[in-house]
Amino acid sequence: MKKIIILFSFALIILLQSTKLYSQEETGMFYFLIGTEGNEKAIMYLQIIRDELNDYDYTEGYYYTSNNEGFSFTGEMKGNELYIENLYNANRYATSEGSDYSKAGQIKGTLYNDLTFEGNRNSKKIKLSLANTKINKAQIINEDDSLYSDNVYVFDSDILNEAIGEYSYYRFDKITYLDDSIIIFDIAGLGGYSAGVGFIAFSINDGKQINIGDFLNIKDQNLIDKFPPLLDNSYDCTFSITPQGKVILVYSPGTIIIESDDFENGWSYYTPGEPAKEFTFEELKPFVKKGSPLEYLFN
C-alpha cells in the first residue's frame, strides 16, 4: 500500500509540474537577424510564438531591405521551416490607399539551430544570421500578473528588463527597431485616464525612456509646421525608426476612459488622432538636439 501511495504521489508531482502552475510561462522567442537578400542588405525582427491551443508556432515581425523595402509580416514555423506568407506595409500608420503587396512575394526557408536563416523571396536568395549587437534575442513569456500585457520580453540585460517592467500597463506587441543604443516597441495600453497606440523607446545603455522631446527641438516652429500635433500635444506623440533612415512621428491620444477611474468598471470611446507622418533623417536633422541620445543616427 505504501508503494502505491508513493507512486501516486510521484505521478501527482509530475502532473502538477506539467500543468505549469506558475505566473510566468515562456511562449516564444525574438531574434534580430541581419544579412543579405540578393545583393541588398536585409534585416529581420522575427518573433516566434507558440500557440498551445492550436498546437502550432506562428511568426510575426518586420523585414527590411536596403532597396527601400519594408514589411510587417505574419507566418508560421513548421519544425525548422519558416513560412512568411503575408507581407504588409511596415508603416501601419501609412494613409496611402491602394498599395499592392501581392508582388512582395513570400519568404520561405530554414532557420537552423545556430540561428542562421537561408531561404528566398521571389527569385532572390536570403541569408541571415543573428546580429552581432548587444541585444539580439529575447524570451517572450506570458505573465499572468501583468495588467495589460500578454507579450513580456526578457532580455539578457537587467537594466532593460527593469526599464520595461515599469511599463507593465502597456501591451508590448513587437520590436520595431533595434541597434546597440536604442530599442523601440510597438505598443498599446492603459495610462492614467487614456490609452493609446504608438511606440515606446528605451536606451539600451541606461534603460531610460526616450521621448520625442529628448532628441528633437519640439518647440521649433519649423518642426511644428511639419508636424502640427507637437504644438499642444507633444505628450501624446511617439516615434519609431526604420533601418532605412526614416523616422515615423505619431500623434495618438487613443482611448479616453470616462465614468470611472477603474479600468474594469469604466467605459471608453476611441479618438483616432491625426495621421502619422514619415520623415527622412535628413529632413529632421536641423531639429536634432546636440548631445541628445539619438544624435548619432543623424550624423
C-alpha atoms as a PDB file:
ATOM      1  CA  MET A   1       0.000   0.000   0.000  1.00  0.00           C
ATOM      2  CA  LYS A   2       2.850   2.381   0.874  1.00  0.00           C
ATOM      3  CA  LYS A   3       4.427   1.686  -2.528  1.00  0.00           C
ATOM      4  CA  ILE A   4       1.145   2.566  -4.273  1.00  0.00           C
ATOM      5  CA  ILE A   5       0.900   5.852  -2.328  1.00  0.00           C
ATOM      6  CA  ILE A   6       4.486   6.751  -3.191  1.00  0.00           C
ATOM      7  CA  LEU A   7       3.893   6.007  -6.884  1.00  0.00           C
ATOM      8  CA  PHE A   8       0.666   8.022  -6.818  1.00  0.00           C
ATOM      9  CA  SER A   9       2.419  10.973  -5.135  1.00  0.00           C
ATOM     10  CA  PHE A  10       5.236  10.850  -7.688  1.00  0.00           C
ATOM     11  CA  ALA A  11       2.734  10.813 -10.555  1.00  0.00           C
ATOM     12  CA  LEU A  12       0.853  13.742  -8.999  1.00  0.00           C
ATOM     13  CA  ILE A  13       4.051  15.797  -8.771  1.00  0.00           C
ATOM     14  CA  ILE A  14       4.789  15.135 -12.441  1.00  0.00           C
ATOM     15  CA  LEU A  15       1.231  16.102 -13.353  1.00  0.00           C
ATOM     16  CA  LEU A  16       1.420  19.390 -11.413  1.00  0.00           C
ATOM     17  CA  GLN A  17       4.755  20.230 -12.998  1.00  0.00           C
ATOM     18  CA  SER A  18       3.414  19.518 -16.481  1.00  0.00           C
ATOM     19  CA  THR A  19       0.491  21.881 -15.947  1.00  0.00           C
ATOM     20  CA  LYS A  20       2.965  24.731 -15.214  1.00  0.00           C
ATOM     21  CA  LEU A  21       1.112  26.222 -12.273  1.00  0.00           C
ATOM     22  CA  TYR A  22       3.098  29.460 -12.104  1.00  0.00           C
ATOM     23  CA  SER A  23       2.632  33.003 -13.325  1.00  0.00           C
ATOM     24  CA  GLN A  24       5.329  33.075 -15.982  1.00  0.00           C
ATOM     25  CA  GLU A  25       5.339  30.723 -18.944  1.00  0.00           C
ATOM     26  CA  GLU A  26       7.683  31.006 -21.911  1.00  0.00           C
ATOM     27  CA  THR A  27       5.649  31.280 -25.092  1.00  0.00           C
ATOM     28  CA  GLY A  28       8.221  32.224 -27.688  1.00  0.00           C
ATOM     29  CA  MET A  29      11.439  33.921 -28.779  1.00  0.00           C
ATOM     30  CA  PHE A  30      12.533  37.092 -30.522  1.00  0.00           C
ATOM     31  CA  TYR A  31      15.559  37.130 -32.863  1.00  0.00           C
ATOM     32  CA  PHE A  32      17.323  40.050 -34.536  1.00  0.00           C
ATOM     33  CA  LEU A  33      18.676  38.675 -37.818  1.00  0.00           C
ATOM     34  CA  ILE A  34      20.837  40.515 -40.322  1.00  0.00           C
ATOM     35  CA  GLY A  35      22.347  39.569 -43.676  1.00  0.00           C
ATOM     36  CA  THR A  36      21.526  39.867 -47.362  1.00  0.00           C
ATOM     37  CA  GLU A  37      18.735  39.423 -49.871  1.00  0.00           C
ATOM     38  CA  GLY A  38      20.418  39.056 -53.235  1.00  0.00           C
ATOM     39  CA  ASN A  39      22.887  41.955 -53.334  1.00  0.00           C
ATOM     40  CA  GLU A  40      20.952  44.050 -50.840  1.00  0.00           C
ATOM     41  CA  LYS A  41      21.352  44.298 -47.075  1.00  0.00           C
ATOM     42  CA  ALA A  42      18.445  42.709 -45.185  1.00  0.00           C
ATOM     43  CA  ILE A  43      17.207  42.890 -41.589  1.00  0.00           C
ATOM     44  CA  MET A  44      14.544  40.785 -39.891  1.00  0.00           C
ATOM     45  CA  TYR A  45      12.961  41.287 -36.479  1.00  0.00           C
ATOM     46  CA  LEU A  46      11.485  37.819 -36.002  1.00  0.00           C
ATOM     47  CA  GLN A  47       9.108  36.659 -33.279  1.00  0.00           C
ATOM     48  CA  ILE A  48       8.150  33.005 -32.977  1.00  0.00           C
ATOM     49  CA  ILE A  49       5.174  32.451 -30.682  1.00  0.00           C
ATOM     50  CA  ARG A  50       3.861  29.097 -29.517  1.00  0.00           C
ATOM     51  CA  ASP A  51       0.077  28.729 -29.860  1.00  0.00           C
ATOM     52  CA  GLU A  52      -0.616  25.864 -27.450  1.00  0.00           C
ATOM     53  CA  LEU A  53      -4.358  25.904 -28.102  1.00  0.00           C
ATOM     54  CA  ASN A  54      -3.978  25.237 -31.831  1.00  0.00           C
ATOM     55  CA  ASP A  55      -0.660  23.377 -31.487  1.00  0.00           C
ATOM     56  CA  TYR A  56       1.477  25.395 -33.872  1.00  0.00           C
ATOM     57  CA  ASP A  57       4.105  28.166 -33.932  1.00  0.00           C
ATOM     58  CA  TYR A  58       3.147  31.419 -35.605  1.00  0.00           C
ATOM     59  CA  THR A  59       5.566  34.154 -36.603  1.00  0.00           C
ATOM     60  CA  GLU A  60       5.353  37.917 -36.839  1.00  0.00           C
ATOM     61  CA  GLY A  61       7.718  40.841 -37.126  1.00  0.00           C
ATOM     62  CA  TYR A  62       9.361  43.229 -39.561  1.00  0.00           C
ATOM     63  CA  TYR A  63      11.569  42.757 -42.617  1.00  0.00           C
ATOM     64  CA  TYR A  64      13.630  45.457 -44.337  1.00  0.00           C
ATOM     65  CA  THR A  65      16.000  45.620 -47.292  1.00  0.00           C
ATOM     66  CA  SER A  66      18.402  48.362 -48.345  1.00  0.00           C
ATOM     67  CA  ASN A  67      16.352  48.581 -51.559  1.00  0.00           C
ATOM     68  CA  ASN A  68      13.945  50.753 -49.537  1.00  0.00           C
ATOM     69  CA  GLU A  69      11.508  47.904 -48.955  1.00  0.00           C
ATOM     70  CA  GLY A  70       9.915  47.471 -45.545  1.00  0.00           C
ATOM     71  CA  PHE A  71       7.276  44.976 -44.470  1.00  0.00           C
ATOM     72  CA  SER A  72       5.489  43.797 -41.392  1.00  0.00           C
ATOM     73  CA  PHE A  73       4.666  40.118 -41.665  1.00  0.00           C
ATOM     74  CA  THR A  74       2.850  37.101 -40.290  1.00  0.00           C
ATOM     75  CA  GLY A  75       3.506  33.435 -40.959  1.00  0.00           C
ATOM     76  CA  GLU A  76       4.274  30.156 -39.238  1.00  0.00           C
ATOM     77  CA  MET A  77       7.033  27.725 -38.327  1.00  0.00           C
ATOM     78  CA  LYS A  78       6.865  24.028 -39.157  1.00  0.00           C
ATOM     79  CA  GLY A  79       9.800  22.398 -37.457  1.00  0.00           C
ATOM     80  CA  ASN A  80      12.753  24.463 -38.658  1.00  0.00           C
ATOM     81  CA  GLU A  81      10.951  25.654 -41.775  1.00  0.00           C
ATOM     82  CA  LEU A  82       9.848  29.283 -41.802  1.00  0.00           C
ATOM     83  CA  TYR A  83       6.877  30.289 -43.954  1.00  0.00           C
ATOM     84  CA  ILE A  84       6.127  34.024 -44.137  1.00  0.00           C
ATOM     85  CA  GLU A  85       3.128  34.257 -46.409  1.00  0.00           C
ATOM     86  CA  ASN A  86       1.712  37.683 -45.543  1.00  0.00           C
ATOM     87  CA  LEU A  87       3.722  40.848 -46.130  1.00  0.00           C
ATOM     88  CA  TYR A  88       2.242  44.272 -45.352  1.00  0.00           C
ATOM     89  CA  ASN A  89       3.389  47.882 -45.194  1.00  0.00           C
ATOM     90  CA  ALA A  90       5.886  48.179 -42.331  1.00  0.00           C
ATOM     91  CA  ASN A  91       4.386  51.575 -41.500  1.00  0.00           C
ATOM     92  CA  ARG A  92       0.979  50.610 -40.132  1.00  0.00           C
ATOM     93  CA  TYR A  93       0.074  54.304 -39.944  1.00  0.00           C
ATOM     94  CA  ALA A  94       0.545  54.878 -43.672  1.00  0.00           C
ATOM     95  CA  THR A  95      -2.524  56.605 -45.078  1.00  0.00           C
ATOM     96  CA  SER A  96      -1.930  55.888 -48.781  1.00  0.00           C
ATOM     97  CA  GLU A  97      -4.577  53.639 -50.267  1.00  0.00           C
ATOM     98  CA  GLY A  98      -4.373  51.064 -52.975  1.00  0.00           C
ATOM     99  CA  SER A  99      -0.923  49.723 -52.091  1.00  0.00           C
ATOM    100  CA  ASP A 100      -0.431  46.374 -53.790  1.00  0.00           C
ATOM    101  CA  TYR A 101       1.702  43.935 -51.811  1.00  0.00           C
ATOM    102  CA  SER A 102       0.853  40.923 -53.947  1.00  0.00           C
ATOM    103  CA  LYS A 103       4.198  41.326 -55.704  1.00  0.00           C
ATOM    104  CA  ALA A 104       6.079  41.384 -52.415  1.00  0.00           C
ATOM    105  CA  GLY A 105       6.131  37.607 -52.554  1.00  0.00           C
ATOM    106  CA  GLN A 106       6.620  35.193 -49.698  1.00  0.00           C
ATOM    107  CA  ILE A 107       9.633  34.414 -47.549  1.00  0.00           C
ATOM    108  CA  LYS A 108      10.365  30.721 -47.189  1.00  0.00           C
ATOM    109  CA  GLY A 109      13.389  28.927 -45.858  1.00  0.00           C
ATOM    110  CA  THR A 110      15.093  27.145 -42.975  1.00  0.00           C
ATOM    111  CA  LEU A 111      16.007  28.594 -39.592  1.00  0.00           C
ATOM    112  CA  TYR A 112      18.886  26.426 -38.389  1.00  0.00           C
ATOM    113  CA  ASN A 113      19.783  25.696 -34.779  1.00  0.00           C
ATOM    114  CA  ASP A 114      22.726  28.116 -34.920  1.00  0.00           C
ATOM    115  CA  LEU A 115      20.151  30.841 -35.738  1.00  0.00           C
ATOM    116  CA  THR A 116      21.124  31.275 -39.355  1.00  0.00           C
ATOM    117  CA  PHE A 117      18.367  31.516 -41.924  1.00  0.00           C
ATOM    118  CA  GLU A 118      18.610  30.503 -45.568  1.00  0.00           C
ATOM    119  CA  GLY A 119      15.680  30.960 -47.903  1.00  0.00           C
ATOM    120  CA  ASN A 120      14.291  33.088 -50.664  1.00  0.00           C
ATOM    121  CA  ARG A 121      11.764  35.759 -51.578  1.00  0.00           C
ATOM    122  CA  ASN A 122      10.625  35.656 -55.166  1.00  0.00           C
ATOM    123  CA  SER A 123      13.834  34.848 -57.065  1.00  0.00           C
ATOM    124  CA  LYS A 124      16.239  36.385 -54.543  1.00  0.00           C
ATOM    125  CA  LYS A 125      18.221  34.308 -52.069  1.00  0.00           C
ATOM    126  CA  ILE A 126      18.138  35.367 -48.417  1.00  0.00           C
ATOM    127  CA  LYS A 127      20.951  34.638 -45.969  1.00  0.00           C
ATOM    128  CA  LEU A 128      20.596  35.926 -42.416  1.00  0.00           C
ATOM    129  CA  SER A 129      22.308  35.293 -39.096  1.00  0.00           C
ATOM    130  CA  LEU A 130      21.982  36.523 -35.533  1.00  0.00           C
ATOM    131  CA  ALA A 131      23.055  40.170 -35.383  1.00  0.00           C
ATOM    132  CA  ASN A 132      26.334  40.957 -33.623  1.00  0.00           C
ATOM    133  CA  THR A 133      24.762  43.515 -31.282  1.00  0.00           C
ATOM    134  CA  LYS A 134      24.392  43.973 -27.524  1.00  0.00           C
ATOM    135  CA  ILE A 135      20.791  42.790 -27.729  1.00  0.00           C
ATOM    136  CA  ASN A 136      19.934  40.260 -30.424  1.00  0.00           C
ATOM    137  CA  LYS A 137      17.363  37.937 -28.865  1.00  0.00           C
ATOM    138  CA  ALA A 138      14.827  37.697 -26.068  1.00  0.00           C
ATOM    139  CA  GLN A 139      12.464  35.270 -24.425  1.00  0.00           C
ATOM    140  CA  ILE A 140       8.788  36.102 -24.763  1.00  0.00           C
ATOM    141  CA  ILE A 141       6.717  34.985 -21.797  1.00  0.00           C
ATOM    142  CA  ASN A 142       3.102  35.123 -20.726  1.00  0.00           C
ATOM    143  CA  GLU A 143       2.894  36.934 -17.402  1.00  0.00           C
ATOM    144  CA  ASP A 144      -0.473  36.444 -15.719  1.00  0.00           C
ATOM    145  CA  ASP A 145       0.000  39.222 -13.176  1.00  0.00           C
ATOM    146  CA  SER A 146       0.709  41.859 -15.829  1.00  0.00           C
ATOM    147  CA  LEU A 147      -2.155  44.363 -16.017  1.00  0.00           C
ATOM    148  CA  TYR A 148      -2.418  44.598 -19.778  1.00  0.00           C
ATOM    149  CA  SER A 149       0.469  42.799 -21.436  1.00  0.00           C
ATOM    150  CA  ASP A 150       0.498  39.357 -22.974  1.00  0.00           C
ATOM    151  CA  ASN A 151       3.923  39.683 -24.627  1.00  0.00           C
ATOM    152  CA  VAL A 152       6.536  40.251 -21.938  1.00  0.00           C
ATOM    153  CA  TYR A 153      10.110  40.385 -23.224  1.00  0.00           C
ATOM    154  CA  VAL A 154      13.000  39.103 -21.128  1.00  0.00           C
ATOM    155  CA  PHE A 155      16.457  40.166 -22.344  1.00  0.00           C
ATOM    156  CA  ASP A 156      19.975  39.332 -21.220  1.00  0.00           C
ATOM    157  CA  SER A 157      20.057  42.799 -19.670  1.00  0.00           C
ATOM    158  CA  ASP A 158      18.824  43.560 -16.171  1.00  0.00           C
ATOM    159  CA  ILE A 159      18.803  47.285 -16.966  1.00  0.00           C
ATOM    160  CA  LEU A 160      16.497  46.813 -19.924  1.00  0.00           C
ATOM    161  CA  ASN A 161      14.244  44.318 -18.144  1.00  0.00           C
ATOM    162  CA  GLU A 162      13.803  46.674 -15.188  1.00  0.00           C
ATOM    163  CA  ALA A 163      13.041  49.593 -17.507  1.00  0.00           C
ATOM    164  CA  ILE A 164      10.355  47.666 -19.393  1.00  0.00           C
ATOM    165  CA  GLY A 165       8.909  46.344 -16.139  1.00  0.00           C
ATOM    166  CA  GLU A 166       7.981  49.888 -15.149  1.00  0.00           C
ATOM    167  CA  TYR A 167       5.502  49.943 -18.048  1.00  0.00           C
ATOM    168  CA  SER A 168       3.552  46.733 -17.442  1.00  0.00           C
ATOM    169  CA  TYR A 169       0.317  48.607 -18.217  1.00  0.00           C
ATOM    170  CA  TYR A 170       1.327  48.639 -21.891  1.00  0.00           C
ATOM    171  CA  ARG A 171       0.909  45.762 -24.302  1.00  0.00           C
ATOM    172  CA  PHE A 172       4.284  45.297 -25.978  1.00  0.00           C
ATOM    173  CA  ASP A 173       3.327  43.878 -29.372  1.00  0.00           C
ATOM    174  CA  LYS A 174       6.512  43.812 -31.435  1.00  0.00           C
ATOM    175  CA  ILE A 175      10.015  45.224 -31.614  1.00  0.00           C
ATOM    176  CA  THR A 176      10.122  47.756 -34.437  1.00  0.00           C
ATOM    177  CA  TYR A 177      13.736  48.951 -34.227  1.00  0.00           C
ATOM    178  CA  LEU A 178      16.931  47.813 -32.521  1.00  0.00           C
ATOM    179  CA  ASP A 179      20.588  48.790 -32.535  1.00  0.00           C
ATOM    180  CA  ASP A 180      23.351  48.987 -29.910  1.00  0.00           C
ATOM    181  CA  SER A 181      21.900  52.144 -28.344  1.00  0.00           C
ATOM    182  CA  ILE A 182      18.107  52.054 -28.607  1.00  0.00           C
ATOM    183  CA  ILE A 183      15.200  49.635 -28.734  1.00  0.00           C
ATOM    184  CA  ILE A 184      11.676  50.615 -29.846  1.00  0.00           C
ATOM    185  CA  PHE A 185       8.438  48.677 -29.276  1.00  0.00           C
ATOM    186  CA  ASP A 186       5.072  48.834 -30.969  1.00  0.00           C
ATOM    187  CA  ILE A 187       2.624  49.239 -28.064  1.00  0.00           C
ATOM    188  CA  ALA A 188      -0.921  49.773 -26.885  1.00  0.00           C
ATOM    189  CA  GLY A 189      -2.064  50.212 -23.335  1.00  0.00           C
ATOM    190  CA  LEU A 190      -3.655  51.945 -20.417  1.00  0.00           C
ATOM    191  CA  GLY A 191      -2.041  55.049 -18.965  1.00  0.00           C
ATOM    192  CA  GLY A 192      -3.932  57.072 -16.346  1.00  0.00           C
ATOM    193  CA  TYR A 193      -7.118  58.243 -17.989  1.00  0.00           C
ATOM    194  CA  SER A 194      -6.048  57.492 -21.541  1.00  0.00           C
ATOM    195  CA  ALA A 195      -4.832  54.550 -23.527  1.00  0.00           C
ATOM    196  CA  GLY A 196      -3.239  54.933 -26.911  1.00  0.00           C
ATOM    197  CA  VAL A 197      -1.379  53.046 -29.556  1.00  0.00           C
ATOM    198  CA  GLY A 198       2.039  54.042 -30.741  1.00  0.00           C
ATOM    199  CA  PHE A 199       5.626  53.344 -29.799  1.00  0.00           C
ATOM    200  CA  ILE A 200       7.882  53.431 -26.767  1.00  0.00           C
ATOM    201  CA  ALA A 201      11.689  53.710 -26.910  1.00  0.00           C
ATOM    202  CA  PHE A 202      14.378  52.878 -24.354  1.00  0.00           C
ATOM    203  CA  SER A 203      18.098  53.436 -24.145  1.00  0.00           C
ATOM    204  CA  ILE A 204      19.858  50.075 -24.057  1.00  0.00           C
ATOM    205  CA  ASN A 205      22.755  51.597 -22.123  1.00  0.00           C
ATOM    206  CA  ASP A 206      20.898  53.060 -19.129  1.00  0.00           C
ATOM    207  CA  GLY A 207      17.273  51.921 -19.574  1.00  0.00           C
ATOM    208  CA  LYS A 208      15.860  55.448 -19.730  1.00  0.00           C
ATOM    209  CA  GLN A 209      12.759  56.036 -21.833  1.00  0.00           C
ATOM    210  CA  ILE A 210      13.435  58.269 -24.844  1.00  0.00           C
ATOM    211  CA  ASN A 211      10.684  60.662 -25.862  1.00  0.00           C
ATOM    212  CA  ILE A 212      10.438  62.875 -28.946  1.00  0.00           C
ATOM    213  CA  GLY A 213      11.435  65.926 -26.901  1.00  0.00           C
ATOM    214  CA  ASP A 214      14.632  64.189 -25.775  1.00  0.00           C
ATOM    215  CA  PHE A 215      16.156  64.354 -29.262  1.00  0.00           C
ATOM    216  CA  LEU A 216      14.109  66.893 -31.250  1.00  0.00           C
ATOM    217  CA  ASN A 217      13.579  70.609 -30.628  1.00  0.00           C
ATOM    218  CA  ILE A 218       9.800  70.232 -30.465  1.00  0.00           C
ATOM    219  CA  LYS A 219       9.308  73.964 -29.822  1.00  0.00           C
ATOM    220  CA  ASP A 220      10.896  74.878 -33.156  1.00  0.00           C
ATOM    221  CA  GLN A 221       8.126  76.425 -35.244  1.00  0.00           C
ATOM    222  CA  ASN A 222       9.530  74.968 -38.455  1.00  0.00           C
ATOM    223  CA  LEU A 223       9.205  71.481 -36.997  1.00  0.00           C
ATOM    224  CA  ILE A 224       5.706  72.248 -35.690  1.00  0.00           C
ATOM    225  CA  ASP A 225       4.746  73.354 -39.205  1.00  0.00           C
ATOM    226  CA  LYS A 226       5.836  69.933 -40.445  1.00  0.00           C
ATOM    227  CA  PHE A 227       4.023  68.070 -37.656  1.00  0.00           C
ATOM    228  CA  PRO A 228       1.354  70.323 -36.036  1.00  0.00           C
ATOM    229  CA  PRO A 229       0.384  67.979 -33.128  1.00  0.00           C
ATOM    230  CA  LEU A 230       3.676  68.939 -31.465  1.00  0.00           C
ATOM    231  CA  LEU A 231       2.279  72.398 -30.705  1.00  0.00           C
ATOM    232  CA  ASP A 232      -0.015  71.419 -27.834  1.00  0.00           C
ATOM    233  CA  ASN A 233       0.078  67.632 -27.692  1.00  0.00           C
ATOM    234  CA  SER A 234       3.732  66.572 -27.666  1.00  0.00           C
ATOM    235  CA  TYR A 235       2.991  64.270 -24.694  1.00  0.00           C
ATOM    236  CA  ASP A 236       0.706  62.239 -26.969  1.00  0.00           C
ATOM    237  CA  CYS A 237       3.300  61.974 -29.739  1.00  0.00           C
ATOM    238  CA  THR A 238       5.516  58.929 -30.116  1.00  0.00           C
ATOM    239  CA  PHE A 239       8.102  57.878 -32.664  1.00  0.00           C
ATOM    240  CA  SER A 240       9.712  54.931 -34.334  1.00  0.00           C
ATOM    241  CA  ILE A 241      12.731  54.496 -36.595  1.00  0.00           C
ATOM    242  CA  THR A 242      13.356  52.245 -39.574  1.00  0.00           C
ATOM    243  CA  PRO A 243      16.731  50.732 -40.522  1.00  0.00           C
ATOM    244  CA  GLN A 244      16.395  52.665 -43.798  1.00  0.00           C
ATOM    245  CA  GLY A 245      16.954  56.031 -42.152  1.00  0.00           C
ATOM    246  CA  LYS A 246      13.389  57.168 -41.580  1.00  0.00           C
ATOM    247  CA  VAL A 247      11.516  58.434 -38.523  1.00  0.00           C
ATOM    248  CA  ILE A 248       7.773  57.940 -38.028  1.00  0.00           C
ATOM    249  CA  LEU A 249       6.081  60.515 -35.807  1.00  0.00           C
ATOM    250  CA  VAL A 250       2.672  59.508 -34.468  1.00  0.00           C
ATOM    251  CA  TYR A 251       0.035  61.542 -32.667  1.00  0.00           C
ATOM    252  CA  SER A 252      -2.203  59.115 -30.808  1.00  0.00           C
ATOM    253  CA  PRO A 253      -4.270  60.317 -27.838  1.00  0.00           C
ATOM    254  CA  GLY A 254      -6.027  56.981 -28.008  1.00  0.00           C
ATOM    255  CA  THR A 255      -8.875  55.821 -25.804  1.00  0.00           C
ATOM    256  CA  ILE A 256     -10.427  58.141 -23.252  1.00  0.00           C
ATOM    257  CA  ILE A 257     -11.640  56.329 -20.125  1.00  0.00           C
ATOM    258  CA  ILE A 258     -14.706  58.018 -18.612  1.00  0.00           C
ATOM    259  CA  GLU A 259     -17.255  57.365 -15.863  1.00  0.00           C
ATOM    260  CA  SER A 260     -14.697  55.730 -13.559  1.00  0.00           C
ATOM    261  CA  ASP A 261     -11.029  55.708 -12.610  1.00  0.00           C
ATOM    262  CA  ASP A 262     -11.254  51.938 -12.553  1.00  0.00           C
ATOM    263  CA  PHE A 263     -10.491  50.329 -15.913  1.00  0.00           C
ATOM    264  CA  GLU A 264     -12.790  47.335 -15.336  1.00  0.00           C
ATOM    265  CA  ASN A 265     -15.781  49.451 -14.267  1.00  0.00           C
ATOM    266  CA  GLY A 266     -15.344  52.338 -16.681  1.00  0.00           C
ATOM    267  CA  TRP A 267     -16.287  52.587 -20.317  1.00  0.00           C
ATOM    268  CA  SER A 268     -14.475  54.196 -23.186  1.00  0.00           C
ATOM    269  CA  TYR A 269     -14.514  55.579 -26.687  1.00  0.00           C
ATOM    270  CA  TYR A 270     -11.714  55.811 -29.218  1.00  0.00           C
ATOM    271  CA  THR A 271     -10.264  59.034 -30.595  1.00  0.00           C
ATOM    272  CA  PRO A 272      -8.029  58.136 -33.533  1.00  0.00           C
ATOM    273  CA  GLY A 273      -5.895  61.275 -33.531  1.00  0.00           C
ATOM    274  CA  GLU A 274      -4.086  62.717 -36.529  1.00  0.00           C
ATOM    275  CA  PRO A 275      -2.398  60.722 -39.284  1.00  0.00           C
ATOM    276  CA  ALA A 276       1.220  59.848 -38.643  1.00  0.00           C
ATOM    277  CA  LYS A 277       3.958  61.307 -40.778  1.00  0.00           C
ATOM    278  CA  GLU A 278       7.209  59.793 -42.017  1.00  0.00           C
ATOM    279  CA  PHE A 279      10.414  61.809 -42.288  1.00  0.00           C
ATOM    280  CA  THR A 280      13.909  61.031 -43.501  1.00  0.00           C
ATOM    281  CA  PHE A 281      16.882  61.584 -41.198  1.00  0.00           C
ATOM    282  CA  GLU A 282      17.926  64.476 -43.453  1.00  0.00           C
ATOM    283  CA  GLU A 283      14.558  66.188 -43.047  1.00  0.00           C
ATOM    284  CA  LEU A 284      14.764  66.082 -39.246  1.00  0.00           C
ATOM    285  CA  LYS A 285      18.494  66.709 -38.894  1.00  0.00           C
ATOM    286  CA  PRO A 286      18.098  70.531 -38.488  1.00  0.00           C
ATOM    287  CA  PHE A 287      15.886  69.907 -35.425  1.00  0.00           C
ATOM    288  CA  VAL A 288      18.041  67.340 -33.617  1.00  0.00           C
ATOM    289  CA  LYS A 289      19.321  68.425 -30.212  1.00  0.00           C
ATOM    290  CA  LYS A 290      23.091  68.396 -29.838  1.00  0.00           C
ATOM    291  CA  GLY A 291      24.218  65.823 -27.325  1.00  0.00           C
ATOM    292  CA  SER A 292      20.862  64.031 -27.466  1.00  0.00           C
ATOM    293  CA  PRO A 293      20.699  60.228 -27.089  1.00  0.00           C
ATOM    294  CA  LEU A 294      19.840  59.815 -30.804  1.00  0.00           C
ATOM    295  CA  GLU A 295      22.205  62.372 -32.309  1.00  0.00           C
ATOM    296  CA  TYR A 296      24.418  59.544 -33.618  1.00  0.00           C
ATOM    297  CA  LEU A 297      21.692  58.498 -36.080  1.00  0.00           C
ATOM    298  CA  PHE A 298      21.709  61.853 -37.860  1.00  0.00           C
ATOM    299  CA  ASN A 299      25.485  62.264 -38.304  1.00  0.00           C
END
